[in-house]
């Protein structure tokens, strides 16, 4: 059985280098997946404020760490968590890779990702996240947690509405 690790994107700089937060997500995914027999990484993230595709930065980091190109799947268009989850679920279903799905993201982002995957009918588990402290100042980290409290409610309503009023599975 193939294990898939979905890695959620976040900011990259204009030169395409991963931010500290994105590097922690990638390192968590790599630490969990490397050395396992049949692992694929699904990197998700479109073009953000930097103008550089998040997926491309993640693909480069994973390949530099030792991932083979065929181990890396790409979701190139999602620009927010809800879009990324919907698109990843569709990709995983189309390739019949839904039995052993994990995801890698920041600790503060995990509850929303887990809930959205569940709404779209996919049971997932979170990879143990590397801590954001001391790399992020406490004030910024608290802001991220507060944003997630609001976002989880908004995305839940939007996800249920999308599932209710959509003709597709995701």
N, C-alpha and C. Protein backbone atom coordinates (compact mmCIF):
# COMPACT_ATOMS: atom_id res chain seq x y z
N UNK A 1 0.83 -1.17 0.00
CA UNK A 1 0.00 0.00 0.00
C UNK A 1 0.89 1.25 0.00
N UNK A 2 0.56 2.17 -0.86
CA UNK A 2 1.32 3.41 -0.96
C UNK A 2 0.88 4.39 0.12
N UNK A 3 1.85 4.92 0.83
CA UNK A 3 1.58 5.98 1.81
C UNK A 3 1.79 7.31 1.10
N UNK A 4 0.82 8.21 1.28
CA UNK A 4 0.92 9.54 0.69
C UNK A 4 0.99 10.56 1.82
N UNK A 5 1.92 11.50 1.67
CA UNK A 5 2.04 12.60 2.61
C UNK A 5 1.75 13.89 1.85
N UNK A 6 0.64 14.52 2.20
CA UNK A 6 0.27 15.81 1.61
C UNK A 6 1.02 16.89 2.37
N UNK A 7 1.76 17.72 1.65
CA UNK A 7 2.50 18.81 2.29
C UNK A 7 1.84 20.13 1.88
N UNK A 8 1.33 20.85 2.88
CA UNK A 8 0.65 22.11 2.61
C UNK A 8 1.64 23.24 2.45
N UNK A 9 1.44 24.02 1.38
CA UNK A 9 2.31 25.13 1.09
C UNK A 9 2.03 26.34 1.96
N UNK A 10 2.97 27.22 1.95
CA UNK A 10 2.88 28.55 2.55
C UNK A 10 3.96 29.39 1.89
N UNK A 11 4.19 30.55 2.39
CA UNK A 11 5.02 31.56 1.71
C UNK A 11 6.37 31.05 1.21
N UNK A 12 6.69 31.53 0.01
CA UNK A 12 8.03 31.40 -0.54
C UNK A 12 8.46 32.81 -0.94
N UNK A 13 9.77 33.03 -1.00
CA UNK A 13 10.22 34.37 -1.39
C UNK A 13 10.26 34.49 -2.92
N UNK A 14 10.53 35.67 -3.39
CA UNK A 14 10.49 35.94 -4.83
C UNK A 14 11.50 35.11 -5.61
N UNK A 15 12.55 34.64 -4.95
CA UNK A 15 13.54 33.80 -5.61
C UNK A 15 13.16 32.33 -5.57
N UNK A 16 12.02 32.02 -4.96
CA UNK A 16 11.55 30.64 -4.91
C UNK A 16 12.08 29.83 -3.76
N UNK A 17 12.65 30.47 -2.76
CA UNK A 17 13.15 29.74 -1.60
C UNK A 17 12.06 29.65 -0.54
N UNK A 18 11.97 28.50 0.07
CA UNK A 18 10.95 28.25 1.08
C UNK A 18 11.18 29.09 2.33
N UNK A 19 10.09 29.59 2.90
CA UNK A 19 10.17 30.29 4.18
C UNK A 19 10.52 29.30 5.28
N UNK A 20 10.82 29.81 6.44
CA UNK A 20 11.10 28.93 7.58
C UNK A 20 9.94 28.01 7.90
N UNK A 21 8.73 28.55 7.82
CA UNK A 21 7.54 27.73 8.10
C UNK A 21 7.41 26.62 7.07
N UNK A 22 7.60 26.93 5.81
CA UNK A 22 7.50 25.91 4.77
C UNK A 22 8.61 24.87 4.93
N UNK A 23 9.80 25.31 5.29
CA UNK A 23 10.89 24.35 5.51
C UNK A 23 10.57 23.40 6.66
N UNK A 24 9.96 23.89 7.72
CA UNK A 24 9.58 23.00 8.83
C UNK A 24 8.55 21.98 8.38
N UNK A 25 7.60 22.39 7.56
CA UNK A 25 6.59 21.46 7.04
C UNK A 25 7.26 20.38 6.17
N UNK A 26 8.18 20.80 5.33
CA UNK A 26 8.87 19.86 4.46
C UNK A 26 9.78 18.93 5.25
N UNK A 27 10.50 19.47 6.22
CA UNK A 27 11.38 18.63 7.04
C UNK A 27 10.56 17.61 7.83
N UNK A 28 9.40 18.02 8.33
CA UNK A 28 8.53 17.07 9.05
C UNK A 28 8.08 15.95 8.13
N UNK A 29 7.67 16.30 6.92
CA UNK A 29 7.23 15.30 5.95
C UNK A 29 8.38 14.36 5.59
N UNK A 30 9.55 14.92 5.31
CA UNK A 30 10.70 14.12 4.92
C UNK A 30 11.15 13.21 6.05
N UNK A 31 11.21 13.75 7.27
CA UNK A 31 11.62 12.96 8.44
C UNK A 31 10.68 11.76 8.60
N UNK A 32 9.39 11.98 8.40
CA UNK A 32 8.39 10.92 8.55
C UNK A 32 8.46 9.91 7.40
N UNK A 33 8.61 10.41 6.17
CA UNK A 33 8.50 9.53 5.01
C UNK A 33 9.77 8.88 4.53
N UNK A 34 10.90 9.52 4.76
CA UNK A 34 12.14 8.96 4.22
C UNK A 34 12.45 7.63 4.89
N UNK A 35 12.93 6.74 4.10
CA UNK A 35 13.25 5.41 4.63
C UNK A 35 12.08 4.44 4.57
N UNK A 36 10.88 4.92 4.31
CA UNK A 36 9.75 4.02 4.16
C UNK A 36 9.74 3.49 2.73
N UNK A 37 9.16 2.33 2.58
CA UNK A 37 9.27 1.61 1.31
C UNK A 37 8.50 2.26 0.16
N UNK A 38 7.25 2.57 0.34
CA UNK A 38 6.42 3.06 -0.76
C UNK A 38 5.73 4.35 -0.34
N UNK A 39 6.44 5.48 -0.48
CA UNK A 39 5.95 6.78 -0.05
C UNK A 39 5.91 7.73 -1.23
N UNK A 40 4.84 8.50 -1.28
CA UNK A 40 4.74 9.59 -2.25
C UNK A 40 4.40 10.86 -1.49
N UNK A 41 4.87 11.96 -2.01
CA UNK A 41 4.61 13.27 -1.44
C UNK A 41 3.71 14.04 -2.40
N UNK A 42 2.63 14.59 -1.90
CA UNK A 42 1.74 15.43 -2.70
C UNK A 42 1.92 16.85 -2.19
N UNK A 43 2.63 17.67 -2.97
CA UNK A 43 2.87 19.05 -2.57
C UNK A 43 1.76 19.92 -3.14
N UNK A 44 1.23 20.80 -2.30
CA UNK A 44 0.10 21.61 -2.71
C UNK A 44 0.32 23.07 -2.39
N UNK A 45 0.15 23.89 -3.39
CA UNK A 45 0.29 25.33 -3.22
C UNK A 45 0.56 26.01 -4.54
N UNK A 46 -0.30 26.95 -4.86
CA UNK A 46 -0.17 27.69 -6.11
C UNK A 46 0.79 28.86 -5.98
N UNK A 47 0.55 29.87 -6.79
CA UNK A 47 1.38 31.06 -6.81
C UNK A 47 0.83 32.04 -5.77
N UNK A 48 1.67 32.37 -4.82
CA UNK A 48 1.28 33.31 -3.77
C UNK A 48 1.78 34.71 -4.06
N UNK A 49 1.90 35.49 -3.00
CA UNK A 49 2.28 36.90 -3.12
C UNK A 49 3.66 37.10 -3.74
N UNK A 50 4.54 36.13 -3.59
CA UNK A 50 5.90 36.26 -4.13
C UNK A 50 5.93 36.15 -5.65
N UNK A 51 4.89 35.55 -6.22
CA UNK A 51 4.88 35.31 -7.66
C UNK A 51 5.54 34.01 -8.05
N UNK A 52 6.00 33.24 -7.07
CA UNK A 52 6.68 31.97 -7.34
C UNK A 52 5.80 30.83 -6.83
N UNK A 53 5.62 29.76 -7.59
CA UNK A 53 4.76 28.66 -7.17
C UNK A 53 5.30 27.94 -5.93
N UNK A 54 4.45 27.81 -4.93
CA UNK A 54 4.83 27.11 -3.71
C UNK A 54 5.21 25.66 -4.00
N UNK A 55 4.44 25.00 -4.87
CA UNK A 55 4.71 23.59 -5.17
C UNK A 55 6.11 23.40 -5.74
N UNK A 56 6.54 24.37 -6.55
CA UNK A 56 7.85 24.24 -7.19
C UNK A 56 8.97 24.34 -6.16
N UNK A 57 8.82 25.24 -5.19
CA UNK A 57 9.81 25.36 -4.12
C UNK A 57 9.83 24.07 -3.30
N UNK A 58 8.67 23.50 -3.02
CA UNK A 58 8.60 22.27 -2.24
C UNK A 58 9.20 21.10 -3.00
N UNK A 59 8.91 21.01 -4.28
CA UNK A 59 9.47 19.94 -5.10
C UNK A 59 11.00 19.99 -5.08
N UNK A 60 11.55 21.18 -5.22
CA UNK A 60 13.00 21.34 -5.21
C UNK A 60 13.60 20.90 -3.87
N UNK A 61 12.99 21.33 -2.76
CA UNK A 61 13.52 20.97 -1.44
C UNK A 61 13.47 19.46 -1.24
N UNK A 62 12.37 18.83 -1.62
CA UNK A 62 12.25 17.37 -1.44
C UNK A 62 13.27 16.62 -2.31
N UNK A 63 13.46 17.09 -3.53
CA UNK A 63 14.44 16.43 -4.40
C UNK A 63 15.86 16.63 -3.88
N UNK A 64 16.15 17.80 -3.34
CA UNK A 64 17.48 18.03 -2.75
C UNK A 64 17.69 17.15 -1.52
N UNK A 65 16.59 16.82 -0.83
CA UNK A 65 16.70 15.95 0.35
C UNK A 65 16.88 14.48 -0.05
N UNK A 66 16.53 14.15 -1.30
CA UNK A 66 16.72 12.78 -1.76
C UNK A 66 15.49 12.10 -2.32
N UNK A 67 14.37 12.81 -2.39
CA UNK A 67 13.16 12.22 -2.98
C UNK A 67 13.35 12.07 -4.49
N UNK A 68 12.89 10.95 -5.02
CA UNK A 68 12.93 10.73 -6.46
C UNK A 68 11.78 11.51 -7.11
N UNK A 69 11.97 11.99 -8.33
CA UNK A 69 10.91 12.75 -9.00
C UNK A 69 9.57 12.02 -9.04
N UNK A 70 9.61 10.70 -9.23
CA UNK A 70 8.36 9.94 -9.31
C UNK A 70 7.65 9.81 -7.96
N UNK A 71 8.32 10.17 -6.88
CA UNK A 71 7.69 10.16 -5.56
C UNK A 71 6.89 11.42 -5.29
N UNK A 72 7.05 12.44 -6.13
CA UNK A 72 6.44 13.75 -5.86
C UNK A 72 5.29 14.00 -6.82
N UNK A 73 4.12 14.17 -6.24
CA UNK A 73 2.93 14.56 -7.00
C UNK A 73 2.69 16.04 -6.73
N UNK A 74 2.03 16.70 -7.67
CA UNK A 74 1.88 18.15 -7.59
C UNK A 74 0.42 18.55 -7.69
N UNK A 75 0.01 19.42 -6.79
CA UNK A 75 -1.27 20.14 -6.90
C UNK A 75 -0.87 21.60 -7.03
N UNK A 76 -0.93 22.17 -8.25
CA UNK A 76 -0.32 23.47 -8.51
C UNK A 76 -1.23 24.69 -8.41
N UNK A 77 -2.50 24.52 -8.09
CA UNK A 77 -3.42 25.65 -8.22
C UNK A 77 -4.01 26.17 -6.92
N UNK A 78 -4.06 25.36 -5.90
CA UNK A 78 -4.71 25.79 -4.66
C UNK A 78 -4.01 26.96 -4.01
N UNK A 79 -4.76 28.00 -3.73
CA UNK A 79 -4.17 29.19 -3.10
C UNK A 79 -4.65 29.39 -1.67
N UNK A 80 -5.52 28.51 -1.20
CA UNK A 80 -5.92 28.55 0.20
C UNK A 80 -6.18 27.11 0.65
N UNK A 81 -6.31 26.93 1.94
CA UNK A 81 -6.42 25.58 2.50
C UNK A 81 -7.60 24.82 1.94
N UNK A 82 -8.75 25.45 1.84
CA UNK A 82 -9.94 24.76 1.34
C UNK A 82 -9.73 24.29 -0.09
N UNK A 83 -9.22 25.15 -0.96
CA UNK A 83 -8.94 24.74 -2.35
C UNK A 83 -7.93 23.60 -2.39
N UNK A 84 -6.89 23.71 -1.58
CA UNK A 84 -5.86 22.69 -1.59
C UNK A 84 -6.40 21.34 -1.16
N UNK A 85 -7.21 21.31 -0.12
CA UNK A 85 -7.78 20.04 0.33
C UNK A 85 -8.68 19.46 -0.75
N UNK A 86 -9.57 20.26 -1.30
CA UNK A 86 -10.48 19.75 -2.35
C UNK A 86 -9.69 19.18 -3.53
N UNK A 87 -8.69 19.89 -3.97
CA UNK A 87 -7.90 19.45 -5.13
C UNK A 87 -7.08 18.20 -4.79
N UNK A 88 -6.54 18.16 -3.59
CA UNK A 88 -5.76 16.97 -3.20
C UNK A 88 -6.65 15.74 -3.09
N UNK A 89 -7.83 15.90 -2.53
CA UNK A 89 -8.76 14.77 -2.44
C UNK A 89 -9.08 14.25 -3.84
N UNK A 90 -9.33 15.15 -4.77
CA UNK A 90 -9.63 14.74 -6.15
C UNK A 90 -8.44 13.98 -6.77
N UNK A 91 -7.24 14.49 -6.57
CA UNK A 91 -6.04 13.82 -7.11
C UNK A 91 -5.89 12.44 -6.49
N UNK A 92 -6.00 12.35 -5.18
CA UNK A 92 -5.83 11.06 -4.50
C UNK A 92 -6.89 10.06 -4.94
N UNK A 93 -8.12 10.49 -5.08
CA UNK A 93 -9.18 9.58 -5.55
C UNK A 93 -8.93 9.14 -6.99
N UNK A 94 -8.49 10.05 -7.84
CA UNK A 94 -8.29 9.71 -9.24
C UNK A 94 -7.16 8.68 -9.40
N UNK A 95 -6.24 8.63 -8.45
CA UNK A 95 -5.13 7.68 -8.52
C UNK A 95 -5.30 6.52 -7.53
N UNK A 96 -6.48 6.45 -6.94
CA UNK A 96 -6.80 5.38 -5.98
C UNK A 96 -5.74 5.29 -4.87
N UNK A 97 -5.42 6.45 -4.29
CA UNK A 97 -4.41 6.52 -3.24
C UNK A 97 -5.02 7.08 -1.94
N UNK A 98 -6.13 6.54 -1.53
CA UNK A 98 -6.84 7.10 -0.38
C UNK A 98 -6.74 6.26 0.89
N UNK A 99 -6.02 5.16 0.85
CA UNK A 99 -6.01 4.25 2.00
C UNK A 99 -5.06 4.65 3.12
N UNK A 100 -3.97 5.32 2.80
CA UNK A 100 -2.95 5.64 3.81
C UNK A 100 -2.44 7.06 3.56
N UNK A 101 -3.24 8.05 3.98
CA UNK A 101 -2.93 9.44 3.70
C UNK A 101 -2.60 10.17 5.00
N UNK A 102 -1.49 10.86 4.96
CA UNK A 102 -1.01 11.68 6.06
C UNK A 102 -0.86 13.09 5.53
N UNK A 103 -0.76 14.06 6.41
CA UNK A 103 -0.48 15.42 5.94
C UNK A 103 0.52 16.10 6.86
N UNK A 104 1.29 17.00 6.26
CA UNK A 104 2.32 17.73 6.98
C UNK A 104 2.04 19.22 6.86
N UNK A 105 1.89 19.83 8.02
CA UNK A 105 1.66 21.28 8.09
C UNK A 105 2.06 21.73 9.48
N UNK A 106 1.89 22.99 9.74
CA UNK A 106 2.21 23.55 11.05
C UNK A 106 1.18 23.07 12.07
N UNK A 107 1.60 22.98 13.32
CA UNK A 107 0.71 22.52 14.38
C UNK A 107 -0.58 23.33 14.44
N UNK A 108 -0.48 24.63 14.32
CA UNK A 108 -1.68 25.48 14.38
C UNK A 108 -2.62 25.26 13.21
N UNK A 109 -2.15 24.71 12.12
CA UNK A 109 -2.93 24.50 10.89
C UNK A 109 -3.54 23.09 10.83
N UNK A 110 -3.05 22.18 11.65
CA UNK A 110 -3.48 20.79 11.59
C UNK A 110 -4.99 20.58 11.82
N UNK A 111 -5.61 21.20 12.82
CA UNK A 111 -7.04 20.92 13.03
C UNK A 111 -7.89 21.26 11.81
N UNK A 112 -7.61 22.38 11.16
CA UNK A 112 -8.41 22.77 9.99
C UNK A 112 -8.20 21.79 8.84
N UNK A 113 -6.97 21.40 8.59
CA UNK A 113 -6.70 20.44 7.51
C UNK A 113 -7.39 19.12 7.78
N UNK A 114 -7.25 18.61 9.00
CA UNK A 114 -7.88 17.33 9.36
C UNK A 114 -9.39 17.40 9.15
N UNK A 115 -10.01 18.47 9.63
CA UNK A 115 -11.46 18.62 9.52
C UNK A 115 -11.91 18.69 8.07
N UNK A 116 -11.21 19.45 7.26
CA UNK A 116 -11.60 19.58 5.85
C UNK A 116 -11.44 18.26 5.09
N UNK A 117 -10.37 17.54 5.36
CA UNK A 117 -10.26 16.22 4.73
C UNK A 117 -11.43 15.35 5.12
N UNK A 118 -11.83 15.38 6.38
CA UNK A 118 -12.98 14.59 6.84
C UNK A 118 -14.27 14.99 6.15
N UNK A 119 -14.51 16.29 6.01
CA UNK A 119 -15.73 16.77 5.34
C UNK A 119 -15.80 16.20 3.93
N UNK A 120 -14.66 16.11 3.25
CA UNK A 120 -14.64 15.58 1.89
C UNK A 120 -14.41 14.08 1.83
N UNK A 121 -14.60 13.42 2.97
CA UNK A 121 -14.66 11.96 3.01
C UNK A 121 -13.34 11.23 3.03
N UNK A 122 -12.27 11.89 3.43
CA UNK A 122 -10.97 11.23 3.45
C UNK A 122 -10.41 11.22 4.87
N UNK A 123 -10.14 10.03 5.36
CA UNK A 123 -9.53 9.90 6.69
C UNK A 123 -8.03 10.10 6.54
N UNK A 124 -7.52 11.04 7.30
CA UNK A 124 -6.09 11.35 7.25
C UNK A 124 -5.54 11.44 8.66
N UNK A 125 -4.23 11.44 8.72
CA UNK A 125 -3.53 11.63 10.00
C UNK A 125 -2.45 12.68 9.79
N UNK A 126 -2.14 13.39 10.85
CA UNK A 126 -1.12 14.44 10.77
C UNK A 126 0.25 13.88 11.10
N UNK A 127 1.22 14.29 10.31
CA UNK A 127 2.62 14.02 10.60
C UNK A 127 3.00 14.91 11.79
N UNK A 128 3.83 14.40 12.67
CA UNK A 128 4.27 15.20 13.81
C UNK A 128 5.02 16.43 13.30
N UNK A 129 4.50 17.59 13.66
CA UNK A 129 5.06 18.86 13.17
C UNK A 129 6.28 19.28 13.99
N UNK A 130 7.27 19.80 13.30
CA UNK A 130 8.39 20.43 13.99
C UNK A 130 7.86 21.71 14.65
N UNK A 131 8.37 22.07 15.81
CA UNK A 131 7.85 23.25 16.51
C UNK A 131 8.20 24.55 15.77
N UNK A 132 7.29 25.51 15.86
CA UNK A 132 7.52 26.83 15.27
C UNK A 132 8.33 27.73 16.18
N UNK A 133 8.33 27.42 17.47
CA UNK A 133 9.14 28.17 18.42
C UNK A 133 10.49 27.50 18.52
N UNK A 134 11.57 28.18 18.58
CA UNK A 134 11.73 29.62 18.78
C UNK A 134 11.84 30.41 17.47
N UNK A 135 11.64 29.76 16.32
CA UNK A 135 11.83 30.46 15.04
C UNK A 135 10.83 31.58 14.82
N UNK A 136 9.60 31.40 15.30
CA UNK A 136 8.59 32.45 15.18
C UNK A 136 8.43 33.15 16.52
N UNK A 137 8.35 34.47 16.51
CA UNK A 137 8.09 35.19 17.75
C UNK A 137 6.71 34.80 18.31
N UNK A 138 6.58 34.79 19.61
CA UNK A 138 5.32 34.38 20.24
C UNK A 138 4.14 35.20 19.73
N UNK A 139 4.31 36.49 19.56
CA UNK A 139 3.22 37.35 19.08
C UNK A 139 2.70 36.88 17.72
N UNK A 140 3.63 36.55 16.83
CA UNK A 140 3.24 36.09 15.49
C UNK A 140 2.58 34.72 15.56
N UNK A 141 3.11 33.84 16.39
CA UNK A 141 2.53 32.52 16.55
C UNK A 141 1.11 32.59 17.11
N UNK A 142 0.89 33.45 18.09
CA UNK A 142 -0.46 33.64 18.64
C UNK A 142 -1.41 34.20 17.58
N UNK A 143 -0.92 35.06 16.74
CA UNK A 143 -1.73 35.59 15.64
C UNK A 143 -2.14 34.46 14.68
N UNK A 144 -1.19 33.57 14.37
CA UNK A 144 -1.51 32.43 13.50
C UNK A 144 -2.57 31.53 14.12
N UNK A 145 -2.45 31.25 15.42
CA UNK A 145 -3.45 30.44 16.10
C UNK A 145 -4.82 31.13 16.07
N UNK A 146 -4.85 32.43 16.33
CA UNK A 146 -6.12 33.17 16.31
C UNK A 146 -6.75 33.15 14.91
N UNK A 147 -5.92 33.30 13.89
CA UNK A 147 -6.42 33.25 12.51
C UNK A 147 -7.05 31.88 12.22
N UNK A 148 -6.43 30.83 12.72
CA UNK A 148 -6.95 29.48 12.50
C UNK A 148 -8.30 29.27 13.18
N UNK A 149 -8.48 29.86 14.36
CA UNK A 149 -9.77 29.74 15.06
C UNK A 149 -10.89 30.30 14.20
N UNK A 150 -10.64 31.43 13.57
CA UNK A 150 -11.65 32.02 12.68
C UNK A 150 -11.77 31.23 11.38
N UNK A 151 -10.65 30.86 10.80
CA UNK A 151 -10.65 30.20 9.49
C UNK A 151 -11.31 28.84 9.53
N UNK A 152 -11.17 28.12 10.62
CA UNK A 152 -11.76 26.78 10.67
C UNK A 152 -13.28 26.86 10.57
N UNK A 153 -13.86 27.88 11.17
CA UNK A 153 -15.32 28.05 11.10
C UNK A 153 -15.77 28.45 9.69
N UNK A 154 -15.07 29.40 9.10
CA UNK A 154 -15.41 29.85 7.76
C UNK A 154 -15.25 28.71 6.76
N UNK A 155 -14.11 28.02 6.80
CA UNK A 155 -13.87 26.93 5.84
C UNK A 155 -14.83 25.78 6.04
N UNK A 156 -15.22 25.50 7.27
CA UNK A 156 -16.18 24.43 7.51
C UNK A 156 -17.51 24.74 6.84
N UNK A 157 -18.00 25.95 7.00
CA UNK A 157 -19.26 26.35 6.35
C UNK A 157 -19.12 26.26 4.83
N UNK A 158 -18.03 26.79 4.30
CA UNK A 158 -17.82 26.76 2.85
C UNK A 158 -17.67 25.33 2.32
N UNK A 159 -16.99 24.48 3.08
CA UNK A 159 -16.80 23.09 2.64
C UNK A 159 -18.11 22.32 2.65
N UNK A 160 -18.89 22.49 3.69
CA UNK A 160 -20.19 21.80 3.75
C UNK A 160 -21.08 22.30 2.63
N UNK A 161 -21.10 23.60 2.38
CA UNK A 161 -21.90 24.15 1.28
C UNK A 161 -21.42 23.60 -0.06
N UNK A 162 -20.11 23.56 -0.26
CA UNK A 162 -19.56 23.04 -1.52
C UNK A 162 -19.94 21.59 -1.72
N UNK A 163 -19.84 20.82 -0.66
CA UNK A 163 -20.17 19.39 -0.75
C UNK A 163 -21.67 19.20 -0.99
N UNK A 164 -22.47 20.02 -0.34
CA UNK A 164 -23.93 19.92 -0.45
C UNK A 164 -24.42 20.31 -1.84
N UNK A 165 -23.84 21.37 -2.39
CA UNK A 165 -24.37 21.92 -3.65
C UNK A 165 -23.53 21.56 -4.87
N UNK A 166 -22.56 20.67 -4.71
CA UNK A 166 -21.72 20.27 -5.82
C UNK A 166 -22.12 18.89 -6.31
N UNK A 167 -21.93 18.67 -7.60
CA UNK A 167 -22.26 17.37 -8.16
C UNK A 167 -21.06 16.43 -8.12
N UNK A 168 -19.84 16.97 -7.84
CA UNK A 168 -18.69 16.09 -7.80
C UNK A 168 -18.46 15.58 -6.37
N UNK A 169 -17.58 14.60 -6.25
CA UNK A 169 -17.32 13.99 -4.94
C UNK A 169 -16.60 14.89 -3.98
N UNK A 170 -15.73 15.74 -4.49
CA UNK A 170 -14.95 16.62 -3.63
C UNK A 170 -15.45 18.00 -3.81
